[in-house]
Amino acid sequence: MITTKDLKKAINDRINNKFSDIEINSNDVKEGFSRPSFFVQLDGRKSSTMEHVDKDIDVQIYYFPSNEYNHAIELMDTQEILESAFDLKLRVVNRWLNITETNAVITDGVLNMSFSLEFNDARNIEEDSNWIEREFPDAEGKGPGKDHFDKYPVELMEELEMILKE
């Protein structure tokens, strides 16, 4: 499964590839940070089924320019580079995630670029005959009967291997 830490690392790595000389600060710095600098914030939502977890992560990248007062060109250049860097896909661990809903706005001299990452992960479920009874017992300590699974079969997700040609 992809963790929040994996997501943040992939985003920070992509920023570092484009802006290697600019610091990426943690979200808990409120004052006294150096300029220019980036802040990256992740806000997530998830929904679950027995087979998988759907995640929708909103990413906010804040860029504080070198000069608080004279920054118009620097912000436009930075916005263009960030939009190019976070255009279609983001590699996280061993997967490529779709980048959607990209938006950039400049407010009070700070560039805020945002986008969403939507993906799902399979649950790690052991392949044995009574996993459902252990995970979802009824009032008597037993799960649904065999006839339920004959009518509603459960397919475990398999690994998909893709080879991308350049």
C-alpha atoms as a PDB file:
ATOM      1  CA  MET A   1       0.000   0.000   0.000  1.00  0.00           C
ATOM      2  CA  ILE A   2       1.106   3.555  -0.703  1.00  0.00           C
ATOM      3  CA  THR A   3       1.505   5.573   2.488  1.00  0.00           C
ATOM      4  CA  THR A   4       1.229   9.314   3.044  1.00  0.00           C
ATOM      5  CA  LYS A   5       4.959   9.339   3.670  1.00  0.00           C
ATOM      6  CA  ASP A   6       5.525   7.732   0.237  1.00  0.00           C
ATOM      7  CA  LEU A   7       3.377  10.410  -1.408  1.00  0.00           C
ATOM      8  CA  LYS A   8       5.155  13.291   0.327  1.00  0.00           C
ATOM      9  CA  LYS A   9       8.573  11.871  -0.556  1.00  0.00           C
ATOM     10  CA  ALA A  10       7.646  11.531  -4.248  1.00  0.00           C
ATOM     11  CA  ILE A  11       6.313  15.106  -4.370  1.00  0.00           C
ATOM     12  CA  ASN A  12       9.354  16.511  -2.562  1.00  0.00           C
ATOM     13  CA  ASP A  13      11.693  14.558  -4.858  1.00  0.00           C
ATOM     14  CA  ARG A  14       9.965  15.993  -7.932  1.00  0.00           C
ATOM     15  CA  ILE A  15      10.286  19.534  -6.519  1.00  0.00           C
ATOM     16  CA  ASN A  16      13.960  18.918  -5.651  1.00  0.00           C
ATOM     17  CA  ASN A  17      14.621  17.739  -9.220  1.00  0.00           C
ATOM     18  CA  LYS A  18      13.402  21.092 -10.564  1.00  0.00           C
ATOM     19  CA  PHE A  19      14.505  23.385  -7.707  1.00  0.00           C
ATOM     20  CA  SER A  20      17.521  21.718  -6.105  1.00  0.00           C
ATOM     21  CA  ASP A  21      18.713  24.918  -4.433  1.00  0.00           C
ATOM     22  CA  ILE A  22      15.393  25.809  -2.733  1.00  0.00           C
ATOM     23  CA  GLU A  23      14.471  24.454   0.694  1.00  0.00           C
ATOM     24  CA  ILE A  24      11.286  22.458   1.287  1.00  0.00           C
ATOM     25  CA  ASN A  25      10.038  23.196   4.800  1.00  0.00           C
ATOM     26  CA  SER A  26       7.799  21.096   6.992  1.00  0.00           C
ATOM     27  CA  ASN A  27       4.248  22.291   7.648  1.00  0.00           C
ATOM     28  CA  ASP A  28       4.889  23.032  11.301  1.00  0.00           C
ATOM     29  CA  VAL A  29       7.192  26.030  10.581  1.00  0.00           C
ATOM     30  CA  LYS A  30       5.118  29.154  11.265  1.00  0.00           C
ATOM     31  CA  GLU A  31       7.767  31.869  11.086  1.00  0.00           C
ATOM     32  CA  GLY A  32      11.477  32.376  10.609  1.00  0.00           C
ATOM     33  CA  PHE A  33      11.815  30.297   7.439  1.00  0.00           C
ATOM     34  CA  SER A  34      14.241  31.326   4.725  1.00  0.00           C
ATOM     35  CA  ARG A  35      13.155  32.623   1.325  1.00  0.00           C
ATOM     36  CA  PRO A  36      12.710  31.285  -1.257  1.00  0.00           C
ATOM     37  CA  SER A  37      11.113  28.121   0.076  1.00  0.00           C
ATOM     38  CA  PHE A  38       8.386  25.556  -0.497  1.00  0.00           C
ATOM     39  CA  PHE A  39       5.804  24.045   1.834  1.00  0.00           C
ATOM     40  CA  VAL A  40       3.936  20.864   0.853  1.00  0.00           C
ATOM     41  CA  GLN A  41       0.652  19.880   2.479  1.00  0.00           C
ATOM     42  CA  LEU A  42      -1.445  16.746   1.900  1.00  0.00           C
ATOM     43  CA  ASP A  43      -5.129  16.394   2.737  1.00  0.00           C
ATOM     44  CA  GLY A  44      -6.712  13.023   2.115  1.00  0.00           C
ATOM     45  CA  ARG A  45      -9.991  11.199   1.968  1.00  0.00           C
ATOM     46  CA  LYS A  46     -10.545   7.504   1.669  1.00  0.00           C
ATOM     47  CA  SER A  47     -13.361   5.055   1.263  1.00  0.00           C
ATOM     48  CA  SER A  48     -13.131   1.331   1.705  1.00  0.00           C
ATOM     49  CA  THR A  49     -14.616  -1.932   0.586  1.00  0.00           C
ATOM     50  CA  MET A  50     -13.665  -5.424   1.672  1.00  0.00           C
ATOM     51  CA  GLU A  51     -11.351  -5.777  -1.319  1.00  0.00           C
ATOM     52  CA  HIS A  52      -9.693  -2.369  -1.641  1.00  0.00           C
ATOM     53  CA  VAL A  53      -9.230   1.183  -0.338  1.00  0.00           C
ATOM     54  CA  ASP A  54      -9.937   4.204  -2.566  1.00  0.00           C
ATOM     55  CA  LYS A  55      -7.851   7.277  -1.768  1.00  0.00           C
ATOM     56  CA  ASP A  56      -8.254  10.861  -2.941  1.00  0.00           C
ATOM     57  CA  ILE A  57      -5.369  13.115  -1.886  1.00  0.00           C
ATOM     58  CA  ASP A  58      -5.365  16.898  -2.332  1.00  0.00           C
ATOM     59  CA  VAL A  59      -1.833  18.272  -2.627  1.00  0.00           C
ATOM     60  CA  GLN A  60      -1.032  21.912  -1.840  1.00  0.00           C
ATOM     61  CA  ILE A  61       2.382  23.322  -2.772  1.00  0.00           C
ATOM     62  CA  TYR A  62       3.118  26.794  -1.424  1.00  0.00           C
ATOM     63  CA  TYR A  63       6.026  28.789  -2.813  1.00  0.00           C
ATOM     64  CA  PHE A  64       7.355  31.818  -0.953  1.00  0.00           C
ATOM     65  CA  PRO A  65       9.487  33.909  -3.364  1.00  0.00           C
ATOM     66  CA  SER A  66      12.920  35.416  -2.664  1.00  0.00           C
ATOM     67  CA  ASN A  67      11.585  38.932  -2.199  1.00  0.00           C
ATOM     68  CA  GLU A  68       8.334  39.641  -0.375  1.00  0.00           C
ATOM     69  CA  TYR A  69       7.584  42.741  -2.418  1.00  0.00           C
ATOM     70  CA  ASN A  70       9.175  42.341  -5.860  1.00  0.00           C
ATOM     71  CA  HIS A  71       8.227  38.860  -7.031  1.00  0.00           C
ATOM     72  CA  ALA A  72       5.919  38.890 -10.091  1.00  0.00           C
ATOM     73  CA  ILE A  73       8.351  37.384 -12.632  1.00  0.00           C
ATOM     74  CA  GLU A  74       9.786  34.869 -10.131  1.00  0.00           C
ATOM     75  CA  LEU A  75       6.293  33.612  -9.255  1.00  0.00           C
ATOM     76  CA  MET A  76       5.298  33.251 -12.928  1.00  0.00           C
ATOM     77  CA  ASP A  77       8.493  31.318 -13.720  1.00  0.00           C
ATOM     78  CA  THR A  78       8.054  29.064 -10.686  1.00  0.00           C
ATOM     79  CA  GLN A  79       4.398  28.431 -11.551  1.00  0.00           C
ATOM     80  CA  GLU A  80       5.311  27.404 -15.082  1.00  0.00           C
ATOM     81  CA  ILE A  81       8.002  24.976 -13.900  1.00  0.00           C
ATOM     82  CA  LEU A  82       5.706  23.443 -11.254  1.00  0.00           C
ATOM     83  CA  GLU A  83       2.860  23.037 -13.740  1.00  0.00           C
ATOM     84  CA  SER A  84       5.255  21.245 -16.074  1.00  0.00           C
ATOM     85  CA  ALA A  85       6.657  19.046 -13.270  1.00  0.00           C
ATOM     86  CA  PHE A  86       3.202  18.013 -12.008  1.00  0.00           C
ATOM     87  CA  ASP A  87       1.411  17.691 -15.327  1.00  0.00           C
ATOM     88  CA  LEU A  88       0.040  14.182 -15.873  1.00  0.00           C
ATOM     89  CA  LYS A  89       1.606  11.486 -13.694  1.00  0.00           C
ATOM     90  CA  LEU A  90       3.559  11.117 -10.455  1.00  0.00           C
ATOM     91  CA  ARG A  91       5.670   8.056  -9.703  1.00  0.00           C
ATOM     92  CA  VAL A  92       5.112   6.905  -6.123  1.00  0.00           C
ATOM     93  CA  VAL A  93       7.055   3.828  -5.003  1.00  0.00           C
ATOM     94  CA  ASN A  94       6.481   1.465  -7.942  1.00  0.00           C
ATOM     95  CA  ARG A  95       3.285   3.003  -9.369  1.00  0.00           C
ATOM     96  CA  TRP A  96       2.345   5.906 -11.603  1.00  0.00           C
ATOM     97  CA  LEU A  97      -0.560   7.958 -10.189  1.00  0.00           C
ATOM     98  CA  ASN A  98      -2.768  10.267 -12.248  1.00  0.00           C
ATOM     99  CA  ILE A  99      -2.549  13.978 -11.443  1.00  0.00           C
ATOM    100  CA  THR A 100      -5.926  15.703 -11.805  1.00  0.00           C
ATOM    101  CA  GLU A 101      -7.538  19.061 -11.080  1.00  0.00           C
ATOM    102  CA  THR A 102      -4.343  21.129 -11.258  1.00  0.00           C
ATOM    103  CA  ASN A 103      -4.809  24.722 -10.160  1.00  0.00           C
ATOM    104  CA  ALA A 104      -2.437  27.606  -9.423  1.00  0.00           C
ATOM    105  CA  VAL A 105      -3.209  30.916  -7.765  1.00  0.00           C
ATOM    106  CA  ILE A 106      -1.073  33.736  -6.355  1.00  0.00           C
ATOM    107  CA  THR A 107      -2.370  35.286  -3.133  1.00  0.00           C
ATOM    108  CA  ASP A 108      -0.546  37.910  -1.054  1.00  0.00           C
ATOM    109  CA  GLY A 109       2.706  37.226  -2.886  1.00  0.00           C
ATOM    110  CA  VAL A 110       2.595  33.446  -2.327  1.00  0.00           C
ATOM    111  CA  LEU A 111       2.099  30.907  -5.118  1.00  0.00           C
ATOM    112  CA  ASN A 112      -0.305  28.099  -4.210  1.00  0.00           C
ATOM    113  CA  MET A 113      -0.373  25.208  -6.656  1.00  0.00           C
ATOM    114  CA  SER A 114      -2.791  22.388  -5.977  1.00  0.00           C
ATOM    115  CA  PHE A 115      -3.711  19.088  -7.589  1.00  0.00           C
ATOM    116  CA  SER A 116      -5.367  15.804  -6.721  1.00  0.00           C
ATOM    117  CA  LEU A 117      -4.126  12.219  -6.735  1.00  0.00           C
ATOM    118  CA  GLU A 118      -6.742   9.472  -6.923  1.00  0.00           C
ATOM    119  CA  PHE A 119      -5.850   5.802  -6.623  1.00  0.00           C
ATOM    120  CA  ASN A 120      -6.838   2.573  -4.943  1.00  0.00           C
ATOM    121  CA  ASP A 121      -4.892  -0.072  -3.103  1.00  0.00           C
ATOM    122  CA  ALA A 122      -5.792  -3.701  -2.611  1.00  0.00           C
ATOM    123  CA  ARG A 123      -6.195  -4.898   0.936  1.00  0.00           C
ATOM    124  CA  ASN A 124      -3.771  -7.528   2.158  1.00  0.00           C
ATOM    125  CA  ILE A 125      -6.152 -10.438   2.653  1.00  0.00           C
ATOM    126  CA  GLU A 126      -4.880 -13.918   3.293  1.00  0.00           C
ATOM    127  CA  GLU A 127      -6.008 -16.462   0.753  1.00  0.00           C
ATOM    128  CA  ASP A 128      -7.728 -19.009   2.936  1.00  0.00           C
ATOM    129  CA  SER A 129     -11.250 -20.306   3.195  1.00  0.00           C
ATOM    130  CA  ASN A 130     -12.315 -18.608   6.433  1.00  0.00           C
ATOM    131  CA  TRP A 131     -10.835 -15.099   6.263  1.00  0.00           C
ATOM    132  CA  ILE A 132     -14.272 -13.517   5.910  1.00  0.00           C
ATOM    133  CA  GLU A 133     -15.519 -15.198   9.093  1.00  0.00           C
ATOM    134  CA  ARG A 134     -12.541 -13.829  11.031  1.00  0.00           C
ATOM    135  CA  GLU A 135     -12.876 -10.331   9.611  1.00  0.00           C
ATOM    136  CA  PHE A 136     -16.680  -9.957   9.642  1.00  0.00           C
ATOM    137  CA  PRO A 137     -18.303 -12.310  12.150  1.00  0.00           C
ATOM    138  CA  ASP A 138     -22.064 -12.179  12.731  1.00  0.00           C
ATOM    139  CA  ALA A 139     -23.696 -12.124  16.178  1.00  0.00           C
ATOM    140  CA  GLU A 140     -22.939 -15.824  16.661  1.00  0.00           C
ATOM    141  CA  GLY A 141     -19.271 -15.377  15.730  1.00  0.00           C
ATOM    142  CA  LYS A 142     -19.732 -16.708  12.221  1.00  0.00           C
ATOM    143  CA  GLY A 143     -19.664 -14.911   8.905  1.00  0.00           C
ATOM    144  CA  PRO A 144     -21.849 -15.322   5.838  1.00  0.00           C
ATOM    145  CA  GLY A 145     -22.460 -18.867   4.689  1.00  0.00           C
ATOM    146  CA  LYS A 146     -21.031 -20.619   1.637  1.00  0.00           C
ATOM    147  CA  ASP A 147     -24.210 -19.913  -0.335  1.00  0.00           C
ATOM    148  CA  HIS A 148     -23.547 -16.172   0.028  1.00  0.00           C
ATOM    149  CA  PHE A 149     -20.127 -16.539  -1.648  1.00  0.00           C
ATOM    150  CA  ASP A 150     -21.560 -18.809  -4.342  1.00  0.00           C
ATOM    151  CA  LYS A 151     -23.991 -16.008  -5.173  1.00  0.00           C
ATOM    152  CA  TYR A 152     -21.491 -13.130  -4.604  1.00  0.00           C
ATOM    153  CA  PRO A 153     -17.991 -14.440  -5.357  1.00  0.00           C
ATOM    154  CA  VAL A 154     -14.975 -12.498  -4.101  1.00  0.00           C
ATOM    155  CA  GLU A 155     -12.058 -12.078  -6.466  1.00  0.00           C
ATOM    156  CA  LEU A 156      -8.742 -11.135  -4.939  1.00  0.00           C
ATOM    157  CA  MET A 157      -6.786  -8.504  -6.854  1.00  0.00           C
ATOM    158  CA  GLU A 158      -3.684  -9.704  -8.626  1.00  0.00           C
ATOM    159  CA  GLU A 159      -0.506  -7.832  -9.384  1.00  0.00           C
ATOM    160  CA  LEU A 160      -0.386  -6.080 -12.723  1.00  0.00           C
ATOM    161  CA  GLU A 161       2.965  -5.789 -14.389  1.00  0.00           C
ATOM    162  CA  MET A 162       3.351  -3.155 -17.086  1.00  0.00           C
ATOM    163  CA  ILE A 163       6.278  -2.521 -19.372  1.00  0.00           C
ATOM    164  CA  LEU A 164       6.390   1.024 -20.701  1.00  0.00           C
ATOM    165  CA  LYS A 165       8.189   1.623 -23.952  1.00  0.00           C
ATOM    166  CA  GLU A 166       9.720   4.984 -24.609  1.00  0.00           C
END
